[in-house]
C-alpha atoms as a PDB file:
ATOM      1  CA  MET A   1       5.455 -16.066 -16.655  1.00  0.00           C
ATOM      2  CA  LYS A   2       5.299 -15.192 -12.954  1.00  0.00           C
ATOM      3  CA  PHE A   3       4.777 -11.851 -11.249  1.00  0.00           C
ATOM      4  CA  LEU A   4       7.786 -10.967  -9.074  1.00  0.00           C
ATOM      5  CA  HIS A   5       7.449  -7.480  -7.631  1.00  0.00           C
ATOM      6  CA  THR A   6       6.500  -3.860  -8.146  1.00  0.00           C
ATOM      7  CA  MET A   7       9.120  -1.229  -7.333  1.00  0.00           C
ATOM      8  CA  ILE A   8       8.186   2.108  -5.771  1.00  0.00           C
ATOM      9  CA  ARG A   9      10.723   4.833  -5.011  1.00  0.00           C
ATOM     10  CA  VAL A  10      10.060   6.392  -1.618  1.00  0.00           C
ATOM     11  CA  LYS A  11      11.237   9.724  -0.187  1.00  0.00           C
ATOM     12  CA  ASN A  12      10.792   8.988   3.519  1.00  0.00           C
ATOM     13  CA  LEU A  13      11.484   5.381   4.462  1.00  0.00           C
ATOM     14  CA  ASP A  14      10.042   5.651   7.978  1.00  0.00           C
ATOM     15  CA  ALA A  15       6.776   7.210   6.740  1.00  0.00           C
ATOM     16  CA  SER A  16       6.481   4.608   3.976  1.00  0.00           C
ATOM     17  CA  LEU A  17       7.135   1.652   6.300  1.00  0.00           C
ATOM     18  CA  HIS A  18       4.593   3.070   8.759  1.00  0.00           C
ATOM     19  CA  PHE A  19       2.000   3.287   5.961  1.00  0.00           C
ATOM     20  CA  TYR A  20       2.663  -0.070   4.286  1.00  0.00           C
ATOM     21  CA  CYS A  21       3.445  -2.154   7.395  1.00  0.00           C
ATOM     22  CA  GLU A  22       1.786  -0.615  10.442  1.00  0.00           C
ATOM     23  CA  LEU A  23      -1.343   0.755   8.764  1.00  0.00           C
ATOM     24  CA  LEU A  24      -1.856  -1.415   5.668  1.00  0.00           C
ATOM     25  CA  GLY A  25      -0.536  -4.596   7.323  1.00  0.00           C
ATOM     26  CA  LEU A  26       2.227  -5.707   4.922  1.00  0.00           C
ATOM     27  CA  LYS A  27       5.228  -7.572   6.319  1.00  0.00           C
ATOM     28  CA  GLU A  28       8.896  -7.113   5.557  1.00  0.00           C
ATOM     29  CA  VAL A  29      10.307 -10.134   3.706  1.00  0.00           C
ATOM     30  CA  ARG A  30      13.880  -8.967   3.238  1.00  0.00           C
ATOM     31  CA  ARG A  31      16.072  -5.872   3.132  1.00  0.00           C
ATOM     32  CA  TYR A  32      19.221  -4.983   1.214  1.00  0.00           C
ATOM     33  CA  ASP A  33      21.322  -1.934   2.112  1.00  0.00           C
ATOM     34  CA  ASN A  34      23.988  -0.903  -0.410  1.00  0.00           C
ATOM     35  CA  GLU A  35      26.411   1.605   1.132  1.00  0.00           C
ATOM     36  CA  LYS A  36      28.440   2.054  -2.052  1.00  0.00           C
ATOM     37  CA  GLY A  37      25.318   2.732  -4.140  1.00  0.00           C
ATOM     38  CA  ARG A  38      23.699   4.671  -1.252  1.00  0.00           C
ATOM     39  CA  PHE A  39      20.328   2.953  -1.431  1.00  0.00           C
ATOM     40  CA  SER A  40      18.168   0.435   0.420  1.00  0.00           C
ATOM     41  CA  LEU A  41      15.724  -2.094  -0.998  1.00  0.00           C
ATOM     42  CA  ILE A  42      12.955  -3.314   1.282  1.00  0.00           C
ATOM     43  CA  PHE A  43      10.690  -6.090   0.018  1.00  0.00           C
ATOM     44  CA  LEU A  44       7.196  -6.326   1.514  1.00  0.00           C
ATOM     45  CA  ALA A  45       4.443  -8.927   1.147  1.00  0.00           C
ATOM     46  CA  ALA A  46       0.784  -9.115   2.049  1.00  0.00           C
ATOM     47  CA  PRO A  47       0.185 -11.340   5.106  1.00  0.00           C
ATOM     48  CA  ASN A  48      -1.381 -14.125   3.012  1.00  0.00           C
ATOM     49  CA  ASP A  49       1.601 -14.036   0.606  1.00  0.00           C
ATOM     50  CA  PHE A  50       4.306 -13.794   3.268  1.00  0.00           C
ATOM     51  CA  ASP A  51       5.267 -17.498   3.468  1.00  0.00           C
ATOM     52  CA  THR A  52       5.399 -17.825  -0.313  1.00  0.00           C
ATOM     53  CA  ALA A  53       7.404 -14.600  -0.623  1.00  0.00           C
ATOM     54  CA  GLN A  54       9.967 -15.839   1.910  1.00  0.00           C
ATOM     55  CA  THR A  55      10.716 -18.909  -0.190  1.00  0.00           C
ATOM     56  CA  THR A  56      10.157 -17.634  -3.751  1.00  0.00           C
ATOM     57  CA  GLN A  57      10.816 -13.889  -3.230  1.00  0.00           C
ATOM     58  CA  ALA A  58       7.426 -13.157  -4.862  1.00  0.00           C
ATOM     59  CA  PRO A  59       4.917 -11.585  -4.942  1.00  0.00           C
ATOM     60  CA  THR A  60       6.317  -8.481  -3.253  1.00  0.00           C
ATOM     61  CA  ILE A  61       6.472  -4.713  -3.332  1.00  0.00           C
ATOM     62  CA  GLU A  62      10.010  -3.360  -3.483  1.00  0.00           C
ATOM     63  CA  LEU A  63      10.451  -0.043  -1.717  1.00  0.00           C
ATOM     64  CA  THR A  64      13.554   1.659  -3.115  1.00  0.00           C
ATOM     65  CA  TYR A  65      14.986   4.300  -0.819  1.00  0.00           C
ATOM     66  CA  ASN A  66      17.827   6.412  -2.210  1.00  0.00           C
ATOM     67  CA  TRP A  67      19.835   7.851   0.675  1.00  0.00           C
ATOM     68  CA  ASP A  68      20.473  11.121  -1.150  1.00  0.00           C
ATOM     69  CA  PRO A  69      17.287  13.225  -1.490  1.00  0.00           C
ATOM     70  CA  GLU A  70      15.531  13.174  -4.851  1.00  0.00           C
ATOM     71  CA  ASP A  71      12.213  14.634  -6.000  1.00  0.00           C
ATOM     72  CA  TYR A  72       9.983  11.978  -7.546  1.00  0.00           C
ATOM     73  CA  GLN A  73       7.075  12.991  -9.756  1.00  0.00           C
ATOM     74  CA  GLY A  74       4.140  11.161 -11.288  1.00  0.00           C
ATOM     75  CA  GLY A  75       2.668   8.974  -8.531  1.00  0.00           C
ATOM     76  CA  ARG A  76      -0.662   9.035 -10.373  1.00  0.00           C
ATOM     77  CA  ASN A  77       1.083   7.979 -13.611  1.00  0.00           C
ATOM     78  CA  PHE A  78       2.178   4.785 -11.879  1.00  0.00           C
ATOM     79  CA  GLY A  79      -1.410   3.529 -11.761  1.00  0.00           C
ATOM     80  CA  HIS A  80      -2.178   1.723  -8.523  1.00  0.00           C
ATOM     81  CA  LEU A  81      -1.461  -1.252  -6.324  1.00  0.00           C
ATOM     82  CA  ALA A  82      -4.412  -3.470  -5.392  1.00  0.00           C
ATOM     83  CA  PHE A  83      -4.884  -5.533  -2.241  1.00  0.00           C
ATOM     84  CA  LEU A  84      -7.635  -7.999  -1.343  1.00  0.00           C
ATOM     85  CA  VAL A  85      -8.671  -7.366   2.273  1.00  0.00           C
ATOM     86  CA  ASP A  86     -10.690  -9.373   4.804  1.00  0.00           C
ATOM     87  CA  ASN A  87     -12.758  -6.407   5.997  1.00  0.00           C
ATOM     88  CA  ILE A  88     -12.701  -3.204   3.967  1.00  0.00           C
ATOM     89  CA  TYR A  89     -14.317  -1.179   6.748  1.00  0.00           C
ATOM     90  CA  ASP A  90     -11.751  -2.249   9.345  1.00  0.00           C
ATOM     91  CA  ILE A  91      -8.724  -1.473   7.142  1.00  0.00           C
ATOM     92  CA  CYS A  92     -10.183   1.906   6.111  1.00  0.00           C
ATOM     93  CA  LYS A  93     -10.780   2.755   9.786  1.00  0.00           C
ATOM     94  CA  THR A  94      -7.211   1.753  10.676  1.00  0.00           C
ATOM     95  CA  LEU A  95      -5.837   3.872   7.830  1.00  0.00           C
ATOM     96  CA  GLN A  96      -8.070   6.830   8.693  1.00  0.00           C
ATOM     97  CA  ASP A  97      -7.110   6.616  12.381  1.00  0.00           C
ATOM     98  CA  GLY A  98      -3.477   6.664  11.210  1.00  0.00           C
ATOM     99  CA  GLY A  99      -4.015   9.974   9.428  1.00  0.00           C
ATOM    100  CA  VAL A 100      -4.561   8.603   5.908  1.00  0.00           C
ATOM    101  CA  THR A 101      -7.242  10.245   3.758  1.00  0.00           C
ATOM    102  CA  ILE A 102      -9.724   7.761   2.307  1.00  0.00           C
ATOM    103  CA  ASN A 103      -9.867   9.250  -1.207  1.00  0.00           C
ATOM    104  CA  ARG A 104     -12.604   6.922  -2.432  1.00  0.00           C
ATOM    105  CA  PRO A 105     -14.520   5.613   0.579  1.00  0.00           C
ATOM    106  CA  PRO A 106     -15.953   2.067   0.485  1.00  0.00           C
ATOM    107  CA  ARG A 107     -19.542   3.271   0.010  1.00  0.00           C
ATOM    108  CA  ASP A 108     -20.398   0.016  -1.772  1.00  0.00           C
ATOM    109  CA  GLY A 109     -18.768  -2.201   0.872  1.00  0.00           C
ATOM    110  CA  TYR A 110     -16.378  -3.470  -1.777  1.00  0.00           C
ATOM    111  CA  MET A 111     -13.822  -0.917  -3.033  1.00  0.00           C
ATOM    112  CA  ALA A 112     -11.804   1.971  -1.599  1.00  0.00           C
ATOM    113  CA  PHE A 113      -8.764   4.003  -2.672  1.00  0.00           C
ATOM    114  CA  VAL A 114      -6.093   5.704  -0.549  1.00  0.00           C
ATOM    115  CA  ARG A 115      -2.679   7.242  -1.264  1.00  0.00           C
ATOM    116  CA  SER A 116       0.709   6.275   0.171  1.00  0.00           C
ATOM    117  CA  PRO A 117       3.074   8.929   1.594  1.00  0.00           C
ATOM    118  CA  ASP A 118       4.660   9.028  -1.888  1.00  0.00           C
ATOM    119  CA  ASN A 119       1.301   9.612  -3.600  1.00  0.00           C
ATOM    120  CA  ILE A 120       0.944   6.062  -4.933  1.00  0.00           C
ATOM    121  CA  SER A 121      -2.707   5.113  -5.423  1.00  0.00           C
ATOM    122  CA  ILE A 122      -3.708   2.012  -3.430  1.00  0.00           C
ATOM    123  CA  GLU A 123      -6.912   0.117  -4.273  1.00  0.00           C
ATOM    124  CA  LEU A 124      -8.494  -1.952  -1.502  1.00  0.00           C
ATOM    125  CA  LEU A 125     -10.983  -4.661  -2.519  1.00  0.00           C
ATOM    126  CA  GLN A 126     -13.194  -6.646  -0.159  1.00  0.00           C
ATOM    127  CA  ARG A 127     -12.522 -10.407  -0.206  1.00  0.00           C
ATOM    128  CA  GLY A 128     -15.630 -12.259  -1.428  1.00  0.00           C
ATOM    129  CA  ASP A 129     -18.943 -10.468  -1.640  1.00  0.00           C
ATOM    130  CA  ALA A 130     -19.337  -6.801  -0.810  1.00  0.00           C
ATOM    131  CA  LEU A 131     -20.141  -6.023   2.804  1.00  0.00           C
ATOM    132  CA  PRO A 132     -23.508  -4.355   3.457  1.00  0.00           C
ATOM    133  CA  PRO A 133     -23.140  -0.553   3.052  1.00  0.00           C
ATOM    134  CA  GLN A 134     -22.709   1.152   6.409  1.00  0.00           C
ATOM    135  CA  GLU A 135     -22.025   4.556   7.902  1.00  0.00           C
ATOM    136  CA  PRO A 136     -19.925   6.570   7.987  1.00  0.00           C
ATOM    137  CA  TRP A 137     -18.579   5.165   4.715  1.00  0.00           C
ATOM    138  CA  ARG A 138     -21.877   5.141   2.830  1.00  0.00           C
ATOM    139  CA  SER A 139     -22.252   8.949   3.131  1.00  0.00           C
ATOM    140  CA  LEU A 140     -18.629  10.025   2.560  1.00  0.00           C
ATOM    141  CA  ALA A 141     -17.781  11.772  -0.698  1.00  0.00           C
ATOM    142  CA  ASN A 142     -14.605  11.242  -2.700  1.00  0.00           C
ATOM    143  CA  SER A 143     -11.637  13.361  -1.651  1.00  0.00           C
ATOM    144  CA  GLY A 144      -8.874  14.406  -4.058  1.00  0.00           C
ATOM    145  CA  GLU A 145      -7.633  12.087  -6.789  1.00  0.00           C
ATOM    146  CA  TRP A 146      -7.505   8.344  -6.478  1.00  0.00           C
END
């Protein structure tokens, strides 16, 4: 068995690509636009998985964008996506500077949670050992659900 991808339906493709690519750092592997079906599929990979994903098409996140507006419910019911990051403080700062709420700040130097524009919970885990706790993260309380 091999993990291929996780599919997430998105309401606003530009906002989602900004979040996943520009803020979180994922890279687009491939895109499929289907005019007859009126949808687009955009496959993204983490930077360290990008080369593998280009040749094997996995592991990726599939953003499904239906061209006709739909209301999607249950982002919390999805669970969460998890990414291993090189520096949890740097990625949280980048996300925060981009207007993303850090729902569970990395007080322990190891784990944080944020939400995508479509309310998908994203877990960020520090690669290797936890970083020493530091401000402002150490003093920040949780915000909303994560």
